[in-house]
């Protein structure tokens, strides 16, 4: 089983999840208070986008750590690998 081993990646994903959790609590409050459905729908869209970007970030972190573990790049290859992973993250983010 693979886990996120990079502490900064884990912290980033957890912080993103906490923000989404706060947004969901806000939606619950809006529903309880009888807020306009359009405003609630906008918040749902924001939460979905936040969760999608969090999933993407976690996936990219996983790919990066697995590539580093399996390929074991030397110092000259690390920068190239990091750039490739960053470009892939940008491309995947545009799909969603």
C-alpha atoms as a PDB file:
ATOM      1  CA  UNK A   1       0.000   0.000   0.000  1.00  0.00           C
ATOM      2  CA  UNK A   2       1.285   3.430  -0.906  1.00  0.00           C
ATOM      3  CA  UNK A   3       0.870   6.428   1.384  1.00  0.00           C
ATOM      4  CA  UNK A   4       1.853  10.056   1.051  1.00  0.00           C
ATOM      5  CA  UNK A   5       5.292  10.083   2.621  1.00  0.00           C
ATOM      6  CA  UNK A   6       6.207  13.713   1.993  1.00  0.00           C
ATOM      7  CA  UNK A   7       5.191  15.713   5.087  1.00  0.00           C
ATOM      8  CA  UNK A   8       4.591  18.909   3.104  1.00  0.00           C
ATOM      9  CA  UNK A   9       2.362  17.073   0.614  1.00  0.00           C
ATOM     10  CA  UNK A  10       0.373  15.477   3.422  1.00  0.00           C
ATOM     11  CA  UNK A  11      -0.022  18.848   5.139  1.00  0.00           C
ATOM     12  CA  UNK A  12      -1.135  20.468   1.879  1.00  0.00           C
ATOM     13  CA  UNK A  13      -3.777  17.800   1.231  1.00  0.00           C
ATOM     14  CA  UNK A  14      -5.034  17.933   4.825  1.00  0.00           C
ATOM     15  CA  UNK A  15      -5.293  21.738   4.739  1.00  0.00           C
ATOM     16  CA  UNK A  16      -7.250  21.582   1.496  1.00  0.00           C
ATOM     17  CA  UNK A  17      -9.610  18.994   3.006  1.00  0.00           C
ATOM     18  CA  UNK A  18     -10.130  21.138   6.090  1.00  0.00           C
ATOM     19  CA  UNK A  19     -11.066  24.110   3.918  1.00  0.00           C
ATOM     20  CA  UNK A  20     -13.545  21.948   1.983  1.00  0.00           C
ATOM     21  CA  UNK A  21     -14.950  20.673   5.275  1.00  0.00           C
ATOM     22  CA  UNK A  22     -15.501  24.272   6.360  1.00  0.00           C
ATOM     23  CA  UNK A  23     -17.240  25.026   3.084  1.00  0.00           C
ATOM     24  CA  UNK A  24     -19.536  22.027   3.563  1.00  0.00           C
ATOM     25  CA  UNK A  25     -20.400  23.192   7.077  1.00  0.00           C
ATOM     26  CA  UNK A  26     -21.212  26.576   5.545  1.00  0.00           C
ATOM     27  CA  UNK A  27     -23.562  24.908   3.063  1.00  0.00           C
ATOM     28  CA  UNK A  28     -25.279  23.041   5.893  1.00  0.00           C
ATOM     29  CA  UNK A  29     -25.781  26.324   7.708  1.00  0.00           C
ATOM     30  CA  UNK A  30     -27.138  27.953   4.552  1.00  0.00           C
ATOM     31  CA  UNK A  31     -29.680  25.144   4.103  1.00  0.00           C
ATOM     32  CA  UNK A  32     -30.716  25.329   7.767  1.00  0.00           C
ATOM     33  CA  UNK A  33     -31.195  29.092   7.498  1.00  0.00           C
ATOM     34  CA  UNK A  34     -33.255  28.823   4.303  1.00  0.00           C
ATOM     35  CA  UNK A  35     -30.715  30.523   2.046  1.00  0.00           C
ATOM     36  CA  UNK A  36     -31.426  30.977  -1.672  1.00  0.00           C
ATOM     37  CA  UNK A  37     -30.916  27.770  -3.688  1.00  0.00           C
ATOM     38  CA  UNK A  38     -28.766  29.565  -6.273  1.00  0.00           C
ATOM     39  CA  UNK A  39     -26.321  30.708  -3.587  1.00  0.00           C
ATOM     40  CA  UNK A  40     -26.229  27.198  -2.118  1.00  0.00           C
ATOM     41  CA  UNK A  41     -25.618  25.762  -5.582  1.00  0.00           C
ATOM     42  CA  UNK A  42     -22.699  28.143  -6.075  1.00  0.00           C
ATOM     43  CA  UNK A  43     -21.175  26.904  -2.832  1.00  0.00           C
ATOM     44  CA  UNK A  44     -21.638  23.287  -3.914  1.00  0.00           C
ATOM     45  CA  UNK A  45     -19.756  24.088  -7.116  1.00  0.00           C
ATOM     46  CA  UNK A  46     -16.945  25.677  -5.092  1.00  0.00           C
ATOM     47  CA  UNK A  47     -16.676  22.618  -2.831  1.00  0.00           C
ATOM     48  CA  UNK A  48     -16.618  20.263  -5.803  1.00  0.00           C
ATOM     49  CA  UNK A  49     -13.833  22.276  -7.397  1.00  0.00           C
ATOM     50  CA  UNK A  50     -11.882  22.317  -4.121  1.00  0.00           C
ATOM     51  CA  UNK A  51     -12.210  18.544  -3.746  1.00  0.00           C
ATOM     52  CA  UNK A  52     -11.261  17.958  -7.378  1.00  0.00           C
ATOM     53  CA  UNK A  53      -8.119  20.063  -7.007  1.00  0.00           C
ATOM     54  CA  UNK A  54      -7.266  18.286  -3.749  1.00  0.00           C
ATOM     55  CA  UNK A  55      -7.635  14.914  -5.442  1.00  0.00           C
ATOM     56  CA  UNK A  56      -5.429  16.094  -8.295  1.00  0.00           C
ATOM     57  CA  UNK A  57      -2.792  17.366  -5.859  1.00  0.00           C
ATOM     58  CA  UNK A  58      -2.777  14.076  -3.946  1.00  0.00           C
ATOM     59  CA  UNK A  59      -2.527  12.098  -7.190  1.00  0.00           C
ATOM     60  CA  UNK A  60       0.384  14.189  -8.438  1.00  0.00           C
ATOM     61  CA  UNK A  61       2.190  13.829  -5.097  1.00  0.00           C
ATOM     62  CA  UNK A  62       1.679  10.078  -5.293  1.00  0.00           C
ATOM     63  CA  UNK A  63       3.023   9.961  -8.861  1.00  0.00           C
ATOM     64  CA  UNK A  64       6.030  12.069  -7.926  1.00  0.00           C
ATOM     65  CA  UNK A  65       7.017   9.951  -4.946  1.00  0.00           C
ATOM     66  CA  UNK A  66       6.476   6.699  -6.852  1.00  0.00           C
ATOM     67  CA  UNK A  67       8.538   7.911  -9.808  1.00  0.00           C
ATOM     68  CA  UNK A  68      11.346   8.990  -7.477  1.00  0.00           C
ATOM     69  CA  UNK A  69      11.269   5.643  -5.679  1.00  0.00           C
ATOM     70  CA  UNK A  70      11.166   3.497  -8.817  1.00  0.00           C
ATOM     71  CA  UNK A  71      13.369   5.487 -11.177  1.00  0.00           C
ATOM     72  CA  UNK A  72      15.732   6.836  -8.511  1.00  0.00           C
ATOM     73  CA  UNK A  73      16.865   9.813 -10.589  1.00  0.00           C
ATOM     74  CA  UNK A  74      20.278  11.372 -10.096  1.00  0.00           C
ATOM     75  CA  UNK A  75      20.561  15.083  -9.315  1.00  0.00           C
ATOM     76  CA  UNK A  76      20.645  16.109 -12.970  1.00  0.00           C
ATOM     77  CA  UNK A  77      17.465  14.125 -13.687  1.00  0.00           C
ATOM     78  CA  UNK A  78      15.550  15.331 -10.603  1.00  0.00           C
ATOM     79  CA  UNK A  79      14.983  18.843 -11.951  1.00  0.00           C
ATOM     80  CA  UNK A  80      13.755  17.448 -15.258  1.00  0.00           C
ATOM     81  CA  UNK A  81      11.449  14.990 -13.480  1.00  0.00           C
ATOM     82  CA  UNK A  82      10.053  17.734 -11.230  1.00  0.00           C
ATOM     83  CA  UNK A  83       9.375  19.949 -14.247  1.00  0.00           C
ATOM     84  CA  UNK A  84       7.626  17.090 -16.043  1.00  0.00           C
ATOM     85  CA  UNK A  85       5.419  16.345 -13.017  1.00  0.00           C
ATOM     86  CA  UNK A  86       4.570  20.053 -12.641  1.00  0.00           C
ATOM     87  CA  UNK A  87       3.644  20.260 -16.340  1.00  0.00           C
ATOM     88  CA  UNK A  88       1.491  17.151 -15.972  1.00  0.00           C
ATOM     89  CA  UNK A  89      -0.287  18.675 -12.972  1.00  0.00           C
ATOM     90  CA  UNK A  90      -0.996  21.833 -14.982  1.00  0.00           C
ATOM     91  CA  UNK A  91      -2.352  19.828 -17.909  1.00  0.00           C
ATOM     92  CA  UNK A  92      -4.561  17.655 -15.693  1.00  0.00           C
ATOM     93  CA  UNK A  93      -5.889  20.711 -13.855  1.00  0.00           C
ATOM     94  CA  UNK A  94      -7.048  22.166 -17.171  1.00  0.00           C
ATOM     95  CA  UNK A  95      -9.064  19.019 -17.909  1.00  0.00           C
ATOM     96  CA  UNK A  96     -11.229  19.458 -14.824  1.00  0.00           C
END
